[in-house]
Amino acid sequence: MKLIQVLANGLLALGFSAGTAHGSILPYAAASSAVIVEDIQHITNLSHHLRETLLRIDSDTIAESGGEAIDEFMDIAGVWSGDLEKWKSSSKSLCIQGAPFTDPVDAEPICAAFHAYAEAHCAAFVVLIDKRSFFDNTPLQYEMGAALRQQEWAVDAVNNYLLDAVPPCRGEVEHDYWLLQEKLRLAVEYFNENIVFNLDRGTDLKEYL
């Protein structure tokens, strides 16, 4: 009897709750929710900085500021990649089964953080689209097109993870994802199609590499 009680206390200390299908790791949900929110907020700050970089682009600063913007787009995609790997590894190591954030208390801060990120990143895309002509016929045009392709991957990967992770506010994530996709699609179409158009006119691809 004593052994059973010790084992029961040990399971409770690890966060397992009786009466659940798989065993809920309650401390994980709260702690990881905070970590994910912090990670998304960090990327939101990067998006704000990216927008400021894009705003500085003109005919005199395209080489410097345009190059910085490309680097920042790539950095954001890289940070997303690292964060996703960390979040997924945490879930696997703790044997999470099903959605880890079924409690709105845990899910809603994540969705709110993603909404703020979507707004900030959409604002950056709006500036990029407005400044797109400064990239025309420069090596940066191809590089920005490649960076935007990385953004497509990042936005899709984060959306897919969050849709499974936060069922209480899944609709909010999906709405913000489509807002991001709309702005991103416009930018991707411009930079990639314009490059193809120039190549069709005989532009050497080496000029863009």
N, C-alpha and C. Protein backbone atom coordinates (compact mmCIF):
# COMPACT_ATOMS: atom_id res chain seq x y z
N MET A 1 0.82 -1.19 0.00
CA MET A 1 0.00 0.00 0.00
C MET A 1 0.86 1.25 0.00
N LYS A 2 1.92 1.18 0.88
CA LYS A 2 2.81 2.33 0.97
C LYS A 2 3.51 2.58 -0.37
N LEU A 3 3.91 1.49 -1.02
CA LEU A 3 4.59 1.62 -2.32
C LEU A 3 3.67 2.26 -3.36
N ILE A 4 2.39 1.84 -3.34
CA ILE A 4 1.42 2.41 -4.27
C ILE A 4 1.27 3.90 -4.03
N GLN A 5 1.23 4.31 -2.79
CA GLN A 5 1.09 5.73 -2.47
C GLN A 5 2.30 6.52 -2.93
N VAL A 6 3.49 5.93 -2.73
CA VAL A 6 4.72 6.61 -3.17
C VAL A 6 4.72 6.80 -4.68
N LEU A 7 4.32 5.73 -5.40
CA LEU A 7 4.25 5.84 -6.86
C LEU A 7 3.23 6.87 -7.30
N ALA A 8 2.09 6.89 -6.62
CA ALA A 8 1.05 7.86 -6.95
C ALA A 8 1.54 9.28 -6.73
N ASN A 9 2.23 9.50 -5.59
CA ASN A 9 2.77 10.85 -5.33
C ASN A 9 3.81 11.24 -6.36
N GLY A 10 4.59 10.25 -6.82
CA GLY A 10 5.60 10.53 -7.83
C GLY A 10 4.98 10.95 -9.15
N LEU A 11 3.90 10.27 -9.53
CA LEU A 11 3.22 10.64 -10.78
C LEU A 11 2.61 12.01 -10.68
N LEU A 12 2.04 12.34 -9.53
CA LEU A 12 1.47 13.68 -9.36
C LEU A 12 2.54 14.74 -9.42
N ALA A 13 3.72 14.43 -8.87
CA ALA A 13 4.82 15.40 -8.91
C ALA A 13 5.26 15.66 -10.33
N LEU A 14 5.12 14.63 -11.19
CA LEU A 14 5.48 14.81 -12.60
C LEU A 14 4.37 15.45 -13.41
N GLY A 15 3.22 15.67 -12.78
CA GLY A 15 2.15 16.37 -13.47
C GLY A 15 1.11 15.48 -14.08
N PHE A 16 1.11 14.16 -13.77
CA PHE A 16 0.09 13.28 -14.31
C PHE A 16 -1.17 13.38 -13.48
N SER A 17 -2.28 13.37 -14.17
CA SER A 17 -3.57 13.52 -13.51
C SER A 17 -4.43 12.29 -13.76
N ALA A 18 -5.01 11.75 -12.70
CA ALA A 18 -5.88 10.59 -12.84
C ALA A 18 -7.13 10.97 -13.60
N GLY A 19 -7.67 9.98 -14.37
CA GLY A 19 -8.93 10.22 -15.06
C GLY A 19 -8.77 10.82 -16.44
N THR A 20 -7.55 10.92 -16.95
CA THR A 20 -7.34 11.42 -18.30
C THR A 20 -6.94 10.27 -19.19
N ALA A 21 -7.15 10.44 -20.49
CA ALA A 21 -6.89 9.35 -21.43
C ALA A 21 -5.40 9.05 -21.54
N HIS A 22 -4.57 10.11 -21.52
CA HIS A 22 -3.14 9.89 -21.77
C HIS A 22 -2.26 10.35 -20.62
N GLY A 23 -2.84 11.06 -19.65
CA GLY A 23 -2.00 11.63 -18.61
C GLY A 23 -1.61 13.02 -19.00
N SER A 24 -2.11 14.03 -18.32
CA SER A 24 -1.82 15.42 -18.67
C SER A 24 -0.60 15.89 -17.91
N ILE A 25 0.35 16.48 -18.60
CA ILE A 25 1.53 17.02 -17.94
C ILE A 25 1.26 18.49 -17.70
N LEU A 26 0.64 18.77 -16.57
CA LEU A 26 0.13 20.11 -16.32
C LEU A 26 1.23 21.17 -16.24
N PRO A 27 2.34 20.92 -15.52
CA PRO A 27 3.39 21.94 -15.46
C PRO A 27 3.94 22.27 -16.85
N TYR A 28 3.99 21.24 -17.72
CA TYR A 28 4.51 21.47 -19.08
C TYR A 28 3.64 22.48 -19.82
N ALA A 29 2.33 22.31 -19.73
CA ALA A 29 1.44 23.19 -20.48
C ALA A 29 1.65 24.64 -20.09
N ALA A 30 1.71 24.91 -18.78
CA ALA A 30 1.86 26.29 -18.33
C ALA A 30 3.23 26.84 -18.70
N ALA A 31 4.28 26.06 -18.40
CA ALA A 31 5.65 26.53 -18.65
C ALA A 31 5.89 26.72 -20.14
N SER A 32 5.49 25.75 -20.95
CA SER A 32 5.77 25.83 -22.37
C SER A 32 4.94 26.89 -23.06
N SER A 33 3.74 27.15 -22.56
CA SER A 33 2.95 28.24 -23.09
C SER A 33 3.70 29.55 -22.94
N ALA A 34 4.28 29.77 -21.79
CA ALA A 34 5.03 30.99 -21.53
C ALA A 34 6.27 31.07 -22.42
N VAL A 35 6.93 29.94 -22.62
CA VAL A 35 8.12 29.91 -23.47
C VAL A 35 7.76 30.23 -24.92
N ILE A 36 6.69 29.62 -25.40
CA ILE A 36 6.27 29.86 -26.78
C ILE A 36 5.87 31.31 -26.98
N VAL A 37 5.15 31.87 -26.02
CA VAL A 37 4.76 33.29 -26.10
C VAL A 37 6.01 34.17 -26.16
N GLU A 38 6.97 33.88 -25.31
CA GLU A 38 8.21 34.67 -25.29
C GLU A 38 8.95 34.56 -26.62
N ASP A 39 9.00 33.35 -27.18
CA ASP A 39 9.68 33.15 -28.46
C ASP A 39 8.98 33.93 -29.58
N ILE A 40 7.65 33.88 -29.61
CA ILE A 40 6.90 34.60 -30.65
C ILE A 40 7.08 36.11 -30.48
N GLN A 41 7.08 36.58 -29.25
CA GLN A 41 7.28 38.01 -29.00
C GLN A 41 8.65 38.47 -29.47
N HIS A 42 9.65 37.61 -29.29
CA HIS A 42 11.00 37.95 -29.78
C HIS A 42 10.99 38.12 -31.30
N ILE A 43 10.32 37.20 -32.01
CA ILE A 43 10.26 37.30 -33.47
C ILE A 43 9.43 38.51 -33.89
N THR A 44 8.41 38.85 -33.11
CA THR A 44 7.62 40.06 -33.40
C THR A 44 8.51 41.30 -33.33
N ASN A 45 9.40 41.34 -32.36
CA ASN A 45 10.33 42.47 -32.27
C ASN A 45 11.27 42.50 -33.49
N LEU A 46 11.68 41.33 -33.95
CA LEU A 46 12.51 41.28 -35.16
C LEU A 46 11.74 41.81 -36.36
N SER A 47 10.43 41.52 -36.42
CA SER A 47 9.60 42.01 -37.52
C SER A 47 9.46 43.52 -37.48
N HIS A 48 9.32 44.07 -36.28
CA HIS A 48 9.26 45.53 -36.16
C HIS A 48 10.56 46.17 -36.66
N HIS A 49 11.68 45.56 -36.29
CA HIS A 49 12.97 46.08 -36.74
C HIS A 49 13.11 45.95 -38.25
N LEU A 50 12.63 44.84 -38.79
CA LEU A 50 12.67 44.63 -40.24
C LEU A 50 11.89 45.74 -40.96
N ARG A 51 10.73 46.08 -40.44
CA ARG A 51 9.94 47.14 -41.06
C ARG A 51 10.70 48.46 -41.08
N GLU A 52 11.39 48.76 -39.99
CA GLU A 52 12.18 50.00 -39.93
C GLU A 52 13.30 49.97 -40.97
N THR A 53 13.91 48.81 -41.15
CA THR A 53 14.96 48.67 -42.17
C THR A 53 14.40 48.90 -43.56
N LEU A 54 13.25 48.31 -43.84
CA LEU A 54 12.61 48.46 -45.14
C LEU A 54 12.22 49.91 -45.42
N LEU A 55 11.80 50.61 -44.39
CA LEU A 55 11.40 52.01 -44.56
C LEU A 55 12.57 52.89 -44.99
N ARG A 56 13.79 52.47 -44.68
CA ARG A 56 14.97 53.27 -45.03
C ARG A 56 15.39 53.10 -46.48
N ILE A 57 14.78 52.16 -47.18
CA ILE A 57 15.20 51.86 -48.56
C ILE A 57 14.76 52.97 -49.51
N ASP A 58 15.72 53.46 -50.29
CA ASP A 58 15.44 54.36 -51.41
C ASP A 58 16.53 54.14 -52.45
N SER A 59 16.57 54.98 -53.45
CA SER A 59 17.54 54.76 -54.53
C SER A 59 18.98 54.88 -54.05
N ASP A 60 19.20 55.62 -52.98
CA ASP A 60 20.57 55.79 -52.47
C ASP A 60 20.97 54.71 -51.48
N THR A 61 20.00 54.08 -50.83
CA THR A 61 20.31 53.13 -49.75
C THR A 61 19.96 51.69 -50.09
N ILE A 62 19.52 51.43 -51.33
CA ILE A 62 19.05 50.09 -51.67
C ILE A 62 20.12 49.03 -51.42
N ALA A 63 21.36 49.31 -51.75
CA ALA A 63 22.41 48.30 -51.59
C ALA A 63 22.59 47.92 -50.12
N GLU A 64 22.65 48.93 -49.25
CA GLU A 64 22.88 48.67 -47.83
C GLU A 64 21.61 48.20 -47.13
N SER A 65 20.57 49.01 -47.18
CA SER A 65 19.34 48.68 -46.46
C SER A 65 18.62 47.48 -47.08
N GLY A 66 18.67 47.38 -48.41
CA GLY A 66 18.07 46.22 -49.06
C GLY A 66 18.75 44.93 -48.65
N GLY A 67 20.07 44.98 -48.59
CA GLY A 67 20.82 43.80 -48.14
C GLY A 67 20.52 43.45 -46.69
N GLU A 68 20.40 44.49 -45.85
CA GLU A 68 20.06 44.25 -44.44
C GLU A 68 18.68 43.61 -44.32
N ALA A 69 17.73 44.09 -45.12
CA ALA A 69 16.37 43.55 -45.06
C ALA A 69 16.35 42.07 -45.44
N ILE A 70 17.11 41.72 -46.47
CA ILE A 70 17.20 40.31 -46.89
C ILE A 70 17.76 39.46 -45.76
N ASP A 71 18.83 39.95 -45.13
CA ASP A 71 19.43 39.21 -44.02
C ASP A 71 18.43 39.05 -42.88
N GLU A 72 17.65 40.09 -42.62
CA GLU A 72 16.68 40.02 -41.52
C GLU A 72 15.54 39.06 -41.84
N PHE A 73 15.09 39.04 -43.08
CA PHE A 73 14.08 38.05 -43.47
C PHE A 73 14.61 36.63 -43.26
N MET A 74 15.86 36.39 -43.68
CA MET A 74 16.46 35.08 -43.52
C MET A 74 16.65 34.73 -42.05
N ASP A 75 17.05 35.72 -41.26
CA ASP A 75 17.24 35.49 -39.82
C ASP A 75 15.93 35.09 -39.16
N ILE A 76 14.84 35.77 -39.52
CA ILE A 76 13.55 35.46 -38.93
C ILE A 76 13.14 34.03 -39.27
N ALA A 77 13.33 33.62 -40.53
CA ALA A 77 13.02 32.24 -40.91
C ALA A 77 13.87 31.25 -40.12
N GLY A 78 15.14 31.61 -39.90
CA GLY A 78 16.03 30.73 -39.14
C GLY A 78 15.62 30.62 -37.68
N VAL A 79 15.20 31.74 -37.09
CA VAL A 79 14.75 31.72 -35.69
C VAL A 79 13.49 30.87 -35.56
N TRP A 80 12.55 31.04 -36.51
CA TRP A 80 11.35 30.21 -36.49
C TRP A 80 11.72 28.72 -36.54
N SER A 81 12.66 28.37 -37.40
CA SER A 81 13.07 26.98 -37.54
C SER A 81 13.60 26.43 -36.22
N GLY A 82 14.46 27.22 -35.57
CA GLY A 82 15.01 26.79 -34.28
C GLY A 82 13.95 26.67 -33.21
N ASP A 83 13.04 27.63 -33.17
CA ASP A 83 11.97 27.60 -32.16
C ASP A 83 11.07 26.39 -32.36
N LEU A 84 10.69 26.13 -33.60
CA LEU A 84 9.82 24.98 -33.87
C LEU A 84 10.49 23.67 -33.45
N GLU A 85 11.77 23.56 -33.74
CA GLU A 85 12.48 22.34 -33.35
C GLU A 85 12.49 22.20 -31.83
N LYS A 86 12.69 23.31 -31.15
CA LYS A 86 12.69 23.29 -29.67
C LYS A 86 11.33 22.90 -29.13
N TRP A 87 10.26 23.51 -29.68
CA TRP A 87 8.91 23.20 -29.19
C TRP A 87 8.56 21.74 -29.43
N LYS A 88 8.88 21.23 -30.61
CA LYS A 88 8.55 19.85 -30.93
C LYS A 88 9.37 18.87 -30.08
N SER A 89 10.63 19.19 -29.86
CA SER A 89 11.49 18.32 -29.05
C SER A 89 10.98 18.27 -27.61
N SER A 90 10.53 19.40 -27.09
CA SER A 90 9.99 19.43 -25.73
C SER A 90 8.76 18.54 -25.63
N SER A 91 7.90 18.61 -26.63
CA SER A 91 6.68 17.80 -26.62
C SER A 91 7.03 16.32 -26.65
N LYS A 92 7.99 15.95 -27.52
CA LYS A 92 8.35 14.54 -27.64
C LYS A 92 9.01 14.02 -26.37
N SER A 93 9.89 14.82 -25.78
CA SER A 93 10.63 14.36 -24.61
C SER A 93 9.71 14.14 -23.42
N LEU A 94 8.60 14.87 -23.39
CA LEU A 94 7.67 14.73 -22.27
C LEU A 94 6.50 13.82 -22.61
N CYS A 95 6.59 13.14 -23.76
CA CYS A 95 5.58 12.16 -24.16
C CYS A 95 4.19 12.76 -24.26
N ILE A 96 4.11 13.98 -24.76
CA ILE A 96 2.80 14.60 -24.95
C ILE A 96 2.04 13.84 -26.03
N GLN A 97 0.80 13.54 -25.77
CA GLN A 97 -0.06 12.91 -26.77
C GLN A 97 -1.26 13.81 -26.99
N GLY A 98 -1.55 14.13 -28.24
CA GLY A 98 -2.65 15.05 -28.52
C GLY A 98 -2.19 16.48 -28.39
N ALA A 99 -3.14 17.40 -28.38
CA ALA A 99 -2.82 18.83 -28.29
C ALA A 99 -2.39 19.18 -26.88
N PRO A 100 -1.23 19.83 -26.70
CA PRO A 100 -0.75 20.11 -25.35
C PRO A 100 -1.44 21.29 -24.68
N PHE A 101 -2.13 22.15 -25.44
CA PHE A 101 -2.69 23.36 -24.84
C PHE A 101 -4.21 23.40 -25.02
N THR A 102 -4.89 22.45 -24.44
CA THR A 102 -6.35 22.39 -24.54
C THR A 102 -7.03 23.37 -23.60
N ASP A 103 -6.32 23.84 -22.60
CA ASP A 103 -6.88 24.81 -21.67
C ASP A 103 -6.73 26.21 -22.27
N PRO A 104 -7.84 26.96 -22.39
CA PRO A 104 -7.75 28.32 -22.94
C PRO A 104 -6.76 29.22 -22.20
N VAL A 105 -6.58 28.96 -20.92
CA VAL A 105 -5.62 29.77 -20.14
C VAL A 105 -4.22 29.66 -20.72
N ASP A 106 -3.88 28.48 -21.23
CA ASP A 106 -2.56 28.26 -21.84
C ASP A 106 -2.55 28.65 -23.31
N ALA A 107 -3.66 28.37 -24.01
CA ALA A 107 -3.69 28.57 -25.46
C ALA A 107 -3.83 30.02 -25.86
N GLU A 108 -4.68 30.76 -25.18
CA GLU A 108 -5.01 32.12 -25.63
C GLU A 108 -3.82 33.08 -25.64
N PRO A 109 -2.90 33.02 -24.66
CA PRO A 109 -1.72 33.90 -24.76
C PRO A 109 -0.87 33.60 -26.00
N ILE A 110 -0.81 32.34 -26.39
CA ILE A 110 -0.06 31.98 -27.59
C ILE A 110 -0.73 32.57 -28.83
N CYS A 111 -2.05 32.44 -28.89
CA CYS A 111 -2.78 32.97 -30.04
C CYS A 111 -2.67 34.50 -30.10
N ALA A 112 -2.72 35.15 -28.94
CA ALA A 112 -2.58 36.61 -28.91
C ALA A 112 -1.18 37.03 -29.36
N ALA A 113 -0.17 36.27 -28.96
CA ALA A 113 1.20 36.58 -29.39
C ALA A 113 1.35 36.39 -30.89
N PHE A 114 0.75 35.33 -31.41
CA PHE A 114 0.83 35.09 -32.86
C PHE A 114 0.08 36.19 -33.63
N HIS A 115 -1.02 36.67 -33.08
CA HIS A 115 -1.77 37.76 -33.72
C HIS A 115 -0.90 39.02 -33.81
N ALA A 116 -0.20 39.33 -32.72
CA ALA A 116 0.68 40.50 -32.72
C ALA A 116 1.81 40.33 -33.73
N TYR A 117 2.34 39.11 -33.81
CA TYR A 117 3.38 38.84 -34.80
C TYR A 117 2.84 39.02 -36.22
N ALA A 118 1.65 38.48 -36.47
CA ALA A 118 1.06 38.57 -37.82
C ALA A 118 0.87 40.03 -38.22
N GLU A 119 0.40 40.85 -37.30
CA GLU A 119 0.22 42.27 -37.60
C GLU A 119 1.55 42.93 -37.92
N ALA A 120 2.57 42.64 -37.12
CA ALA A 120 3.88 43.26 -37.33
C ALA A 120 4.50 42.80 -38.65
N HIS A 121 4.36 41.51 -38.96
CA HIS A 121 4.99 41.00 -40.16
C HIS A 121 4.23 41.45 -41.41
N CYS A 122 2.90 41.53 -41.30
CA CYS A 122 2.11 42.06 -42.42
C CYS A 122 2.53 43.50 -42.71
N ALA A 123 2.76 44.28 -41.66
CA ALA A 123 3.19 45.66 -41.84
C ALA A 123 4.53 45.73 -42.57
N ALA A 124 5.42 44.78 -42.27
CA ALA A 124 6.71 44.73 -42.97
C ALA A 124 6.52 44.38 -44.44
N PHE A 125 5.63 43.44 -44.72
CA PHE A 125 5.35 43.07 -46.11
C PHE A 125 4.76 44.24 -46.90
N VAL A 126 3.90 45.02 -46.26
CA VAL A 126 3.29 46.18 -46.93
C VAL A 126 4.39 47.16 -47.36
N VAL A 127 5.35 47.40 -46.48
CA VAL A 127 6.45 48.31 -46.82
C VAL A 127 7.30 47.71 -47.94
N LEU A 128 7.58 46.42 -47.86
CA LEU A 128 8.38 45.77 -48.91
C LEU A 128 7.69 45.90 -50.26
N ILE A 129 6.40 45.67 -50.32
CA ILE A 129 5.67 45.78 -51.57
C ILE A 129 5.71 47.21 -52.10
N ASP A 130 5.63 48.16 -51.18
CA ASP A 130 5.70 49.57 -51.58
C ASP A 130 7.08 49.94 -52.12
N LYS A 131 8.13 49.29 -51.60
CA LYS A 131 9.51 49.62 -51.98
C LYS A 131 10.05 48.70 -53.07
N ARG A 132 9.23 47.83 -53.61
CA ARG A 132 9.70 46.77 -54.49
C ARG A 132 10.45 47.28 -55.71
N SER A 133 10.07 48.43 -56.24
CA SER A 133 10.69 48.90 -57.49
C SER A 133 12.17 49.23 -57.30
N PHE A 134 12.59 49.52 -56.08
CA PHE A 134 14.01 49.82 -55.84
C PHE A 134 14.89 48.58 -56.04
N PHE A 135 14.29 47.40 -55.98
CA PHE A 135 15.05 46.15 -56.16
C PHE A 135 15.18 45.75 -57.63
N ASP A 136 14.40 46.39 -58.49
CA ASP A 136 14.38 45.98 -59.89
C ASP A 136 15.75 46.09 -60.53
N ASN A 137 16.09 45.04 -61.31
CA ASN A 137 17.34 45.02 -62.07
C ASN A 137 18.58 45.15 -61.18
N THR A 138 18.51 44.60 -59.98
CA THR A 138 19.67 44.55 -59.10
C THR A 138 19.85 43.10 -58.64
N PRO A 139 21.06 42.74 -58.21
CA PRO A 139 21.27 41.39 -57.67
C PRO A 139 20.37 41.09 -56.47
N LEU A 140 19.98 42.14 -55.74
CA LEU A 140 19.15 41.95 -54.55
C LEU A 140 17.75 41.44 -54.89
N GLN A 141 17.34 41.65 -56.10
CA GLN A 141 16.00 41.21 -56.50
C GLN A 141 15.88 39.69 -56.37
N TYR A 142 16.89 38.98 -56.88
CA TYR A 142 16.88 37.52 -56.79
C TYR A 142 17.00 37.07 -55.33
N GLU A 143 17.89 37.73 -54.59
CA GLU A 143 18.11 37.35 -53.19
C GLU A 143 16.86 37.56 -52.35
N MET A 144 16.14 38.64 -52.61
CA MET A 144 14.90 38.86 -51.87
C MET A 144 13.86 37.80 -52.24
N GLY A 145 13.80 37.43 -53.51
CA GLY A 145 12.89 36.37 -53.91
C GLY A 145 13.17 35.07 -53.15
N ALA A 146 14.45 34.73 -53.00
CA ALA A 146 14.82 33.53 -52.26
C ALA A 146 14.47 33.66 -50.78
N ALA A 147 14.69 34.84 -50.21
CA ALA A 147 14.37 35.07 -48.80
C ALA A 147 12.87 34.94 -48.56
N LEU A 148 12.07 35.41 -49.50
CA LEU A 148 10.62 35.31 -49.36
C LEU A 148 10.15 33.86 -49.46
N ARG A 149 10.85 33.05 -50.24
CA ARG A 149 10.51 31.63 -50.28
C ARG A 149 10.75 30.99 -48.91
N GLN A 150 11.81 31.42 -48.24
CA GLN A 150 12.04 30.93 -46.88
C GLN A 150 10.93 31.38 -45.94
N GLN A 151 10.43 32.59 -46.16
CA GLN A 151 9.31 33.07 -45.35
C GLN A 151 8.08 32.20 -45.55
N GLU A 152 7.84 31.79 -46.77
CA GLU A 152 6.70 30.90 -47.04
C GLU A 152 6.80 29.63 -46.21
N TRP A 153 7.98 29.04 -46.21
CA TRP A 153 8.17 27.82 -45.42
C TRP A 153 7.92 28.10 -43.94
N ALA A 154 8.49 29.20 -43.43
CA ALA A 154 8.37 29.49 -42.00
C ALA A 154 6.93 29.72 -41.59
N VAL A 155 6.22 30.54 -42.36
CA VAL A 155 4.82 30.84 -42.03
C VAL A 155 3.97 29.58 -42.07
N ASP A 156 4.18 28.73 -43.06
CA ASP A 156 3.42 27.48 -43.15
C ASP A 156 3.73 26.55 -41.98
N ALA A 157 5.01 26.42 -41.65
CA ALA A 157 5.42 25.50 -40.59
C ALA A 157 4.87 25.94 -39.23
N VAL A 158 4.97 27.23 -38.95
CA VAL A 158 4.46 27.74 -37.67
C VAL A 158 2.95 27.58 -37.60
N ASN A 159 2.27 27.89 -38.69
CA ASN A 159 0.82 27.75 -38.71
C ASN A 159 0.40 26.30 -38.47
N ASN A 160 1.07 25.37 -39.13
CA ASN A 160 0.72 23.96 -38.96
C ASN A 160 0.93 23.49 -37.52
N TYR A 161 1.99 23.96 -36.90
CA TYR A 161 2.25 23.58 -35.50
C TYR A 161 1.18 24.15 -34.58
N LEU A 162 0.89 25.44 -34.74
CA LEU A 162 -0.04 26.10 -33.83
C LEU A 162 -1.46 25.59 -33.99
N LEU A 163 -1.86 25.26 -35.21
CA LEU A 163 -3.22 24.75 -35.42
C LEU A 163 -3.46 23.49 -34.60
N ASP A 164 -2.44 22.66 -34.47
CA ASP A 164 -2.56 21.45 -33.66
C ASP A 164 -2.38 21.73 -32.17
N ALA A 165 -1.61 22.77 -31.86
CA ALA A 165 -1.21 23.00 -30.47
C ALA A 165 -2.23 23.79 -29.66
N VAL A 166 -3.05 24.61 -30.32
CA VAL A 166 -3.94 25.51 -29.56
C VAL A 166 -5.39 25.40 -30.06
N PRO A 167 -6.03 24.26 -29.87
CA PRO A 167 -7.41 24.09 -30.35
C PRO A 167 -8.41 25.11 -29.82
N PRO A 168 -8.26 25.64 -28.60
CA PRO A 168 -9.28 26.60 -28.13
C PRO A 168 -9.37 27.87 -28.99
N CYS A 169 -8.26 28.26 -29.64
CA CYS A 169 -8.30 29.48 -30.45
C CYS A 169 -7.72 29.22 -31.83
N ARG A 170 -7.94 28.02 -32.33
CA ARG A 170 -7.42 27.63 -33.65
C ARG A 170 -7.92 28.56 -34.75
N GLY A 171 -9.18 29.00 -34.65
CA GLY A 171 -9.73 29.88 -35.67
C GLY A 171 -8.99 31.20 -35.76
N GLU A 172 -8.54 31.73 -34.63
CA GLU A 172 -7.80 32.98 -34.63
C GLU A 172 -6.46 32.80 -35.34
N VAL A 173 -5.78 31.69 -35.07
CA VAL A 173 -4.50 31.42 -35.73
C VAL A 173 -4.70 31.30 -37.23
N GLU A 174 -5.74 30.59 -37.63
CA GLU A 174 -6.00 30.41 -39.06
C GLU A 174 -6.28 31.74 -39.75
N HIS A 175 -7.05 32.61 -39.08
CA HIS A 175 -7.35 33.94 -39.64
C HIS A 175 -6.07 34.75 -39.83
N ASP A 176 -5.22 34.76 -38.80
CA ASP A 176 -3.97 35.52 -38.90
C ASP A 176 -3.04 34.93 -39.95
N TYR A 177 -3.05 33.61 -40.08
CA TYR A 177 -2.23 32.95 -41.10
C TYR A 177 -2.63 33.41 -42.49
N TRP A 178 -3.93 33.49 -42.76
CA TRP A 178 -4.37 33.88 -44.10
C TRP A 178 -4.07 35.35 -44.38
N LEU A 179 -4.10 36.19 -43.35
CA LEU A 179 -3.69 37.59 -43.54
C LEU A 179 -2.21 37.66 -43.94
N LEU A 180 -1.39 36.87 -43.23
CA LEU A 180 0.03 36.81 -43.57
C LEU A 180 0.24 36.28 -44.98
N GLN A 181 -0.47 35.22 -45.31
CA GLN A 181 -0.32 34.59 -46.62
C GLN A 181 -0.69 35.56 -47.75
N GLU A 182 -1.71 36.35 -47.52
CA GLU A 182 -2.15 37.30 -48.56
C GLU A 182 -1.04 38.29 -48.90
N LYS A 183 -0.42 38.88 -47.87
CA LYS A 183 0.65 39.85 -48.10
C LYS A 183 1.90 39.16 -48.64
N LEU A 184 2.21 38.00 -48.09
CA LEU A 184 3.40 37.27 -48.54
C LEU A 184 3.26 36.84 -49.99
N ARG A 185 2.08 36.39 -50.38
CA ARG A 185 1.85 35.95 -51.75
C ARG A 185 2.11 37.09 -52.74
N LEU A 186 1.64 38.28 -52.41
CA LEU A 186 1.86 39.43 -53.30
C LEU A 186 3.35 39.71 -53.47
N ALA A 187 4.08 39.66 -52.36
CA ALA A 187 5.52 39.93 -52.45
C ALA A 187 6.24 38.84 -53.23
N VAL A 188 5.91 37.58 -52.95
CA VAL A 188 6.55 36.47 -53.65
C VAL A 188 6.28 36.53 -55.14
N GLU A 189 5.04 36.81 -55.50
CA GLU A 189 4.69 36.87 -56.93
C GLU A 189 5.46 37.97 -57.63
N TYR A 190 5.58 39.13 -56.98
CA TYR A 190 6.29 40.23 -57.64
C TYR A 190 7.76 39.88 -57.85
N PHE A 191 8.43 39.50 -56.77
CA PHE A 191 9.88 39.30 -56.87
C PHE A 191 10.24 38.11 -57.75
N ASN A 192 9.51 37.03 -57.64
CA ASN A 192 9.85 35.85 -58.43
C ASN A 192 9.40 35.98 -59.88
N GLU A 193 8.21 36.50 -60.13
CA GLU A 193 7.75 36.64 -61.51
C GLU A 193 8.52 37.71 -62.26
N ASN A 194 8.91 38.75 -61.56
CA ASN A 194 9.66 39.82 -62.22
C ASN A 194 11.05 39.34 -62.63
N ILE A 195 11.62 38.45 -61.83
CA ILE A 195 12.92 37.87 -62.19
C ILE A 195 12.79 37.02 -63.45
N VAL A 196 11.75 36.18 -63.47
CA VAL A 196 11.52 35.35 -64.65
C VAL A 196 11.32 36.21 -65.88
N PHE A 197 10.58 37.30 -65.72
CA PHE A 197 10.33 38.21 -66.84
C PHE A 197 11.65 38.77 -67.37
N ASN A 198 12.53 39.18 -66.46
CA ASN A 198 13.81 39.74 -66.89
C ASN A 198 14.68 38.69 -67.54
N LEU A 199 14.64 37.45 -67.03
CA LEU A 199 15.43 36.39 -67.63
C LEU A 199 14.94 36.08 -69.03
N ASP A 200 13.63 36.13 -69.22
CA ASP A 200 13.07 35.89 -70.55
C ASP A 200 13.54 36.93 -71.55
N ARG A 201 13.88 38.11 -71.04
CA ARG A 201 14.36 39.18 -71.92
C ARG A 201 15.85 39.06 -72.19
N GLY A 202 16.47 38.01 -71.61
CA GLY A 202 17.88 37.78 -71.91
C GLY A 202 18.83 38.15 -70.80
N THR A 203 18.34 38.44 -69.60
CA THR A 203 19.22 38.78 -68.50
C THR A 203 19.98 37.55 -68.05
N ASP A 204 21.26 37.68 -67.84
CA ASP A 204 22.08 36.56 -67.39
C ASP A 204 21.79 36.28 -65.93
N LEU A 205 21.46 35.02 -65.62
CA LEU A 205 21.15 34.64 -64.24
C LEU A 205 22.32 34.92 -63.32
N LYS A 206 23.54 34.86 -63.82
CA LYS A 206 24.71 35.09 -62.97
C LYS A 206 24.68 36.46 -62.31
N GLU A 207 24.00 37.40 -62.94
CA GLU A 207 23.91 38.74 -62.37
C GLU A 207 23.10 38.74 -61.08
N TYR A 208 22.30 37.69 -60.86
CA TYR A 208 21.44 37.63 -59.70
C TYR A 208 21.98 36.72 -58.62
N LEU A 209 23.12 36.10 -58.85
CA LEU A 209 23.69 35.15 -57.89
C LEU A 209 24.84 35.77 -57.12
